[in-house]
Amino acid sequence: MKIRAQIGMVLNLDKCIGCHTCSVTCKNVWTSRPGMEYAWFNNVETKPGIGYPKEWENQDKWNGGWHRLANGKIEPRQGAKWKLLMRIFANPNLPQIDDYYEPFTFDYAHLQS
């Protein structure tokens, strides 16, 4: 697919009334092509809750963040550069699909009434 145009949106959150019109519009634009009906990287946060993946801020669960070595330097919890490069395509600390919530779509008939 050859990209010929780009779309951008700027939203003034000072005027937000929580109607989710911006989310519905964005989700419709990004998932309107065949094959893109459900793709995680196209997700737009359109329902209240903890977000995705579950416990995404939990540094212990996902082995994220940094720790200090005995010599005072810091390194990522997942290991030094060589260790990270060894697991670049098979990271055992990534969330599974169950850590994300179920696919969610709006009831457009209810929204429009």
N, C-alpha and C. Protein backbone atom coordinates (compact mmCIF):
# COMPACT_ATOMS: atom_id res chain seq x y z
N MET A 1 0.85 -1.17 0.00
CA MET A 1 0.00 0.00 0.00
C MET A 1 0.90 1.23 0.00
N LYS A 2 0.64 2.13 -0.89
CA LYS A 2 1.39 3.37 -0.98
C LYS A 2 0.64 4.47 -0.23
N ILE A 3 1.30 5.06 0.75
CA ILE A 3 0.65 6.10 1.54
C ILE A 3 0.72 7.41 0.77
N ARG A 4 -0.44 8.01 0.57
CA ARG A 4 -0.49 9.26 -0.19
C ARG A 4 -1.00 10.43 0.63
N ALA A 5 -1.44 10.18 1.83
CA ALA A 5 -1.95 11.27 2.66
C ALA A 5 -1.76 10.92 4.13
N GLN A 6 -1.76 11.91 4.95
CA GLN A 6 -1.68 11.71 6.39
C GLN A 6 -2.81 12.49 7.05
N ILE A 7 -3.25 11.98 8.20
CA ILE A 7 -4.33 12.64 8.93
C ILE A 7 -3.83 12.94 10.34
N GLY A 8 -4.20 14.08 10.84
CA GLY A 8 -3.86 14.43 12.21
C GLY A 8 -5.05 15.10 12.88
N MET A 9 -5.16 14.93 14.19
CA MET A 9 -6.23 15.59 14.93
C MET A 9 -5.63 16.30 16.13
N VAL A 10 -6.11 17.47 16.40
CA VAL A 10 -5.74 18.20 17.61
C VAL A 10 -7.04 18.44 18.37
N LEU A 11 -7.08 17.99 19.61
CA LEU A 11 -8.29 18.10 20.41
C LEU A 11 -8.03 18.99 21.61
N ASN A 12 -8.92 19.93 21.86
CA ASN A 12 -8.83 20.79 23.03
C ASN A 12 -9.54 20.10 24.19
N LEU A 13 -8.76 19.50 25.09
CA LEU A 13 -9.35 18.75 26.19
C LEU A 13 -10.00 19.65 27.24
N ASP A 14 -9.77 20.96 27.16
CA ASP A 14 -10.46 21.88 28.07
C ASP A 14 -11.96 21.90 27.79
N LYS A 15 -12.34 21.50 26.60
CA LYS A 15 -13.76 21.52 26.22
C LYS A 15 -14.39 20.13 26.23
N CYS A 16 -13.67 19.15 26.75
CA CYS A 16 -14.15 17.76 26.76
C CYS A 16 -15.35 17.61 27.70
N ILE A 17 -16.41 16.97 27.19
CA ILE A 17 -17.58 16.68 28.03
C ILE A 17 -17.76 15.17 28.21
N GLY A 18 -16.78 14.39 27.73
CA GLY A 18 -16.81 12.95 27.93
C GLY A 18 -17.73 12.19 27.00
N CYS A 19 -18.04 12.74 25.83
CA CYS A 19 -19.00 12.10 24.93
C CYS A 19 -18.37 11.03 24.05
N HIS A 20 -17.05 10.96 23.98
CA HIS A 20 -16.30 9.98 23.19
C HIS A 20 -16.48 10.13 21.68
N THR A 21 -16.99 11.25 21.21
CA THR A 21 -17.12 11.47 19.77
C THR A 21 -15.76 11.42 19.10
N CYS A 22 -14.74 11.97 19.74
CA CYS A 22 -13.39 11.96 19.16
C CYS A 22 -12.87 10.54 19.04
N SER A 23 -13.11 9.70 20.06
CA SER A 23 -12.64 8.32 20.03
C SER A 23 -13.34 7.51 18.96
N VAL A 24 -14.65 7.69 18.85
CA VAL A 24 -15.42 6.96 17.84
C VAL A 24 -14.94 7.34 16.45
N THR A 25 -14.74 8.63 16.21
CA THR A 25 -14.28 9.10 14.91
C THR A 25 -12.91 8.53 14.59
N CYS A 26 -11.99 8.60 15.52
CA CYS A 26 -10.64 8.10 15.30
C CYS A 26 -10.65 6.60 15.03
N LYS A 27 -11.42 5.86 15.81
CA LYS A 27 -11.49 4.41 15.62
C LYS A 27 -12.08 4.08 14.26
N ASN A 28 -13.09 4.82 13.82
CA ASN A 28 -13.69 4.58 12.51
C ASN A 28 -12.70 4.85 11.39
N VAL A 29 -11.92 5.90 11.51
CA VAL A 29 -10.95 6.23 10.46
C VAL A 29 -9.87 5.17 10.37
N TRP A 30 -9.33 4.75 11.51
CA TRP A 30 -8.21 3.82 11.49
C TRP A 30 -8.60 2.39 11.19
N THR A 31 -9.84 2.01 11.42
CA THR A 31 -10.22 0.61 11.21
C THR A 31 -11.18 0.46 10.05
N SER A 32 -11.21 1.41 9.14
CA SER A 32 -12.17 1.34 8.04
C SER A 32 -11.67 0.55 6.84
N ARG A 33 -10.38 0.19 6.80
CA ARG A 33 -9.86 -0.56 5.67
C ARG A 33 -10.04 -2.06 5.89
N PRO A 34 -10.22 -2.84 4.82
CA PRO A 34 -10.33 -4.29 4.97
C PRO A 34 -9.08 -4.86 5.63
N GLY A 35 -9.27 -5.76 6.58
CA GLY A 35 -8.16 -6.36 7.29
C GLY A 35 -7.75 -5.60 8.53
N MET A 36 -8.28 -4.41 8.73
CA MET A 36 -7.90 -3.59 9.88
C MET A 36 -9.04 -3.48 10.88
N GLU A 37 -10.04 -4.34 10.75
CA GLU A 37 -11.19 -4.25 11.64
C GLU A 37 -10.77 -4.39 13.10
N TYR A 38 -9.78 -5.23 13.34
CA TYR A 38 -9.35 -5.44 14.71
C TYR A 38 -7.84 -5.61 14.74
N ALA A 39 -7.13 -4.56 15.04
CA ALA A 39 -5.68 -4.60 15.17
C ALA A 39 -5.31 -3.83 16.43
N TRP A 40 -4.49 -4.44 17.29
CA TRP A 40 -4.21 -3.81 18.58
C TRP A 40 -3.50 -2.47 18.44
N PHE A 41 -2.64 -2.32 17.43
CA PHE A 41 -1.94 -1.05 17.34
C PHE A 41 -2.86 0.07 16.88
N ASN A 42 -4.05 -0.26 16.43
CA ASN A 42 -5.02 0.76 16.04
C ASN A 42 -6.00 1.08 17.15
N ASN A 43 -5.82 0.48 18.31
CA ASN A 43 -6.77 0.70 19.40
C ASN A 43 -6.81 2.15 19.83
N VAL A 44 -7.98 2.61 20.09
CA VAL A 44 -8.19 3.93 20.68
C VAL A 44 -8.94 3.66 21.97
N GLU A 45 -8.48 4.23 23.06
CA GLU A 45 -9.12 4.03 24.36
C GLU A 45 -10.53 4.59 24.30
N THR A 46 -11.52 3.72 24.17
CA THR A 46 -12.89 4.18 23.99
C THR A 46 -13.83 3.71 25.09
N LYS A 47 -13.31 3.14 26.14
CA LYS A 47 -14.19 2.79 27.25
C LYS A 47 -13.45 2.99 28.56
N PRO A 48 -14.16 3.29 29.62
CA PRO A 48 -13.49 3.52 30.89
C PRO A 48 -12.91 2.23 31.45
N GLY A 49 -11.90 2.36 32.25
CA GLY A 49 -11.31 1.17 32.87
C GLY A 49 -9.83 1.35 33.10
N ILE A 50 -9.15 0.24 33.31
CA ILE A 50 -7.73 0.28 33.68
C ILE A 50 -6.82 0.43 32.48
N GLY A 51 -7.36 0.39 31.28
CA GLY A 51 -6.51 0.49 30.10
C GLY A 51 -5.96 -0.87 29.71
N TYR A 52 -5.02 -0.87 28.83
CA TYR A 52 -4.45 -2.13 28.37
C TYR A 52 -2.97 -1.99 28.20
N PRO A 53 -2.17 -3.02 28.37
CA PRO A 53 -2.55 -4.28 29.00
C PRO A 53 -2.82 -4.06 30.49
N LYS A 54 -3.46 -5.05 31.11
CA LYS A 54 -3.77 -4.93 32.53
C LYS A 54 -2.47 -4.78 33.31
N GLU A 55 -2.50 -3.96 34.31
CA GLU A 55 -1.33 -3.69 35.17
C GLU A 55 -0.13 -3.22 34.37
N TRP A 56 -0.34 -2.38 33.40
CA TRP A 56 0.75 -1.95 32.53
C TRP A 56 1.81 -1.14 33.27
N GLU A 57 1.47 -0.58 34.43
CA GLU A 57 2.44 0.19 35.20
C GLU A 57 3.23 -0.65 36.20
N ASN A 58 2.93 -1.93 36.32
CA ASN A 58 3.57 -2.81 37.30
C ASN A 58 4.98 -3.19 36.83
N GLN A 59 6.00 -2.51 37.35
CA GLN A 59 7.38 -2.75 36.91
C GLN A 59 7.88 -4.14 37.30
N ASP A 60 7.39 -4.68 38.41
CA ASP A 60 7.84 -6.02 38.83
C ASP A 60 7.29 -7.10 37.91
N LYS A 61 6.02 -6.99 37.55
CA LYS A 61 5.40 -8.00 36.69
C LYS A 61 6.02 -8.05 35.31
N TRP A 62 6.29 -6.89 34.72
CA TRP A 62 6.81 -6.84 33.35
C TRP A 62 8.33 -6.70 33.30
N ASN A 63 8.96 -6.77 34.47
CA ASN A 63 10.42 -6.70 34.55
C ASN A 63 10.94 -5.42 33.90
N GLY A 64 10.26 -4.33 34.18
CA GLY A 64 10.65 -3.05 33.59
C GLY A 64 11.41 -2.19 34.57
N GLY A 65 11.86 -1.07 34.09
CA GLY A 65 12.57 -0.13 34.95
C GLY A 65 14.06 -0.41 35.01
N TRP A 66 14.69 0.10 36.03
CA TRP A 66 16.14 0.04 36.18
C TRP A 66 16.50 -0.47 37.55
N HIS A 67 17.73 -0.99 37.69
CA HIS A 67 18.27 -1.30 39.02
C HIS A 67 19.73 -0.85 39.07
N ARG A 68 20.19 -0.55 40.27
CA ARG A 68 21.54 -0.03 40.46
C ARG A 68 22.50 -1.18 40.74
N LEU A 69 23.61 -1.19 40.02
CA LEU A 69 24.64 -2.21 40.21
C LEU A 69 25.52 -1.86 41.41
N ALA A 70 26.37 -2.79 41.82
CA ALA A 70 27.25 -2.57 42.98
C ALA A 70 28.21 -1.40 42.75
N ASN A 71 28.60 -1.18 41.49
CA ASN A 71 29.54 -0.09 41.20
C ASN A 71 28.85 1.27 41.07
N GLY A 72 27.53 1.32 41.28
CA GLY A 72 26.80 2.58 41.25
C GLY A 72 26.13 2.89 39.92
N LYS A 73 26.48 2.15 38.87
CA LYS A 73 25.84 2.38 37.57
C LYS A 73 24.45 1.76 37.56
N ILE A 74 23.63 2.22 36.64
CA ILE A 74 22.30 1.62 36.51
C ILE A 74 22.20 0.89 35.18
N GLU A 75 21.35 -0.15 35.17
CA GLU A 75 21.08 -0.87 33.92
C GLU A 75 19.62 -1.33 33.93
N PRO A 76 19.06 -1.61 32.77
CA PRO A 76 17.67 -2.07 32.72
C PRO A 76 17.50 -3.38 33.49
N ARG A 77 16.36 -3.56 34.11
CA ARG A 77 16.09 -4.80 34.85
C ARG A 77 16.17 -6.03 33.96
N GLN A 78 15.86 -5.87 32.69
CA GLN A 78 15.88 -7.02 31.79
C GLN A 78 17.29 -7.42 31.40
N GLY A 79 18.29 -6.64 31.76
CA GLY A 79 19.67 -7.01 31.51
C GLY A 79 20.41 -5.98 30.70
N ALA A 80 21.69 -6.26 30.48
CA ALA A 80 22.54 -5.34 29.72
C ALA A 80 22.17 -5.37 28.24
N LYS A 81 22.85 -4.54 27.44
CA LYS A 81 22.53 -4.41 26.02
C LYS A 81 22.58 -5.75 25.29
N TRP A 82 23.62 -6.54 25.53
CA TRP A 82 23.75 -7.81 24.81
C TRP A 82 22.61 -8.76 25.16
N LYS A 83 22.18 -8.73 26.41
CA LYS A 83 21.07 -9.61 26.82
C LYS A 83 19.76 -9.17 26.17
N LEU A 84 19.56 -7.86 26.08
CA LEU A 84 18.35 -7.35 25.43
C LEU A 84 18.35 -7.68 23.94
N LEU A 85 19.50 -7.56 23.29
CA LEU A 85 19.59 -7.87 21.86
C LEU A 85 19.35 -9.34 21.58
N MET A 86 19.75 -10.22 22.51
CA MET A 86 19.51 -11.66 22.31
C MET A 86 18.02 -11.97 22.28
N ARG A 87 17.23 -11.19 23.02
CA ARG A 87 15.79 -11.48 23.13
C ARG A 87 14.93 -10.48 22.38
N ILE A 88 15.49 -9.81 21.40
CA ILE A 88 14.75 -8.74 20.74
C ILE A 88 13.48 -9.25 20.05
N PHE A 89 13.51 -10.48 19.54
CA PHE A 89 12.34 -11.02 18.84
C PHE A 89 11.56 -12.02 19.69
N ALA A 90 12.02 -12.32 20.88
CA ALA A 90 11.32 -13.27 21.75
C ALA A 90 11.44 -12.81 23.20
N ASN A 91 10.84 -11.70 23.51
CA ASN A 91 10.91 -11.15 24.86
C ASN A 91 9.92 -11.89 25.76
N PRO A 92 10.41 -12.59 26.79
CA PRO A 92 9.50 -13.35 27.66
C PRO A 92 8.67 -12.47 28.59
N ASN A 93 8.98 -11.19 28.67
CA ASN A 93 8.28 -10.30 29.60
C ASN A 93 7.16 -9.51 28.96
N LEU A 94 6.77 -9.85 27.76
CA LEU A 94 5.68 -9.13 27.10
C LEU A 94 4.33 -9.65 27.57
N PRO A 95 3.32 -8.81 27.61
CA PRO A 95 1.98 -9.27 28.00
C PRO A 95 1.40 -10.22 26.95
N GLN A 96 0.57 -11.13 27.42
CA GLN A 96 -0.14 -12.05 26.53
C GLN A 96 -1.45 -11.40 26.10
N ILE A 97 -2.11 -11.99 25.13
CA ILE A 97 -3.37 -11.42 24.62
C ILE A 97 -4.43 -11.37 25.72
N ASP A 98 -4.37 -12.27 26.69
CA ASP A 98 -5.35 -12.27 27.78
C ASP A 98 -5.18 -11.06 28.71
N ASP A 99 -4.01 -10.43 28.68
CA ASP A 99 -3.79 -9.25 29.51
C ASP A 99 -4.46 -8.01 28.92
N TYR A 100 -4.90 -8.11 27.70
CA TYR A 100 -5.66 -7.04 27.07
C TYR A 100 -7.13 -7.35 27.27
N TYR A 101 -7.98 -6.35 27.21
CA TYR A 101 -9.39 -6.63 27.38
C TYR A 101 -9.99 -7.08 26.05
N GLU A 102 -11.24 -7.48 26.10
CA GLU A 102 -11.92 -7.99 24.91
C GLU A 102 -12.11 -6.87 23.88
N PRO A 103 -12.23 -7.23 22.61
CA PRO A 103 -12.52 -6.20 21.60
C PRO A 103 -13.81 -5.48 21.96
N PHE A 104 -13.82 -4.20 21.77
CA PHE A 104 -14.96 -3.39 22.18
C PHE A 104 -15.40 -2.51 21.02
N THR A 105 -16.67 -2.54 20.71
CA THR A 105 -17.21 -1.64 19.69
C THR A 105 -18.43 -0.95 20.28
N PHE A 106 -18.67 0.23 19.80
CA PHE A 106 -19.82 0.98 20.27
C PHE A 106 -21.10 0.45 19.64
N ASP A 107 -22.21 0.59 20.34
CA ASP A 107 -23.53 0.31 19.79
C ASP A 107 -23.97 1.60 19.10
N TYR A 108 -23.66 1.70 17.80
CA TYR A 108 -23.88 2.95 17.08
C TYR A 108 -25.35 3.35 17.04
N ALA A 109 -26.27 2.37 17.02
CA ALA A 109 -27.70 2.70 17.03
C ALA A 109 -28.06 3.43 18.32
N HIS A 110 -27.48 2.99 19.43
CA HIS A 110 -27.74 3.64 20.71
C HIS A 110 -27.10 5.02 20.76
N LEU A 111 -25.90 5.16 20.20
CA LEU A 111 -25.22 6.45 20.21
C LEU A 111 -25.97 7.50 19.40
N GLN A 112 -26.60 7.07 18.31
CA GLN A 112 -27.25 8.01 17.41
C GLN A 112 -28.68 8.33 17.82
N SER A 113 -29.19 7.65 18.82
CA SER A 113 -30.58 7.92 19.23
C SER A 113 -30.64 8.91 20.38
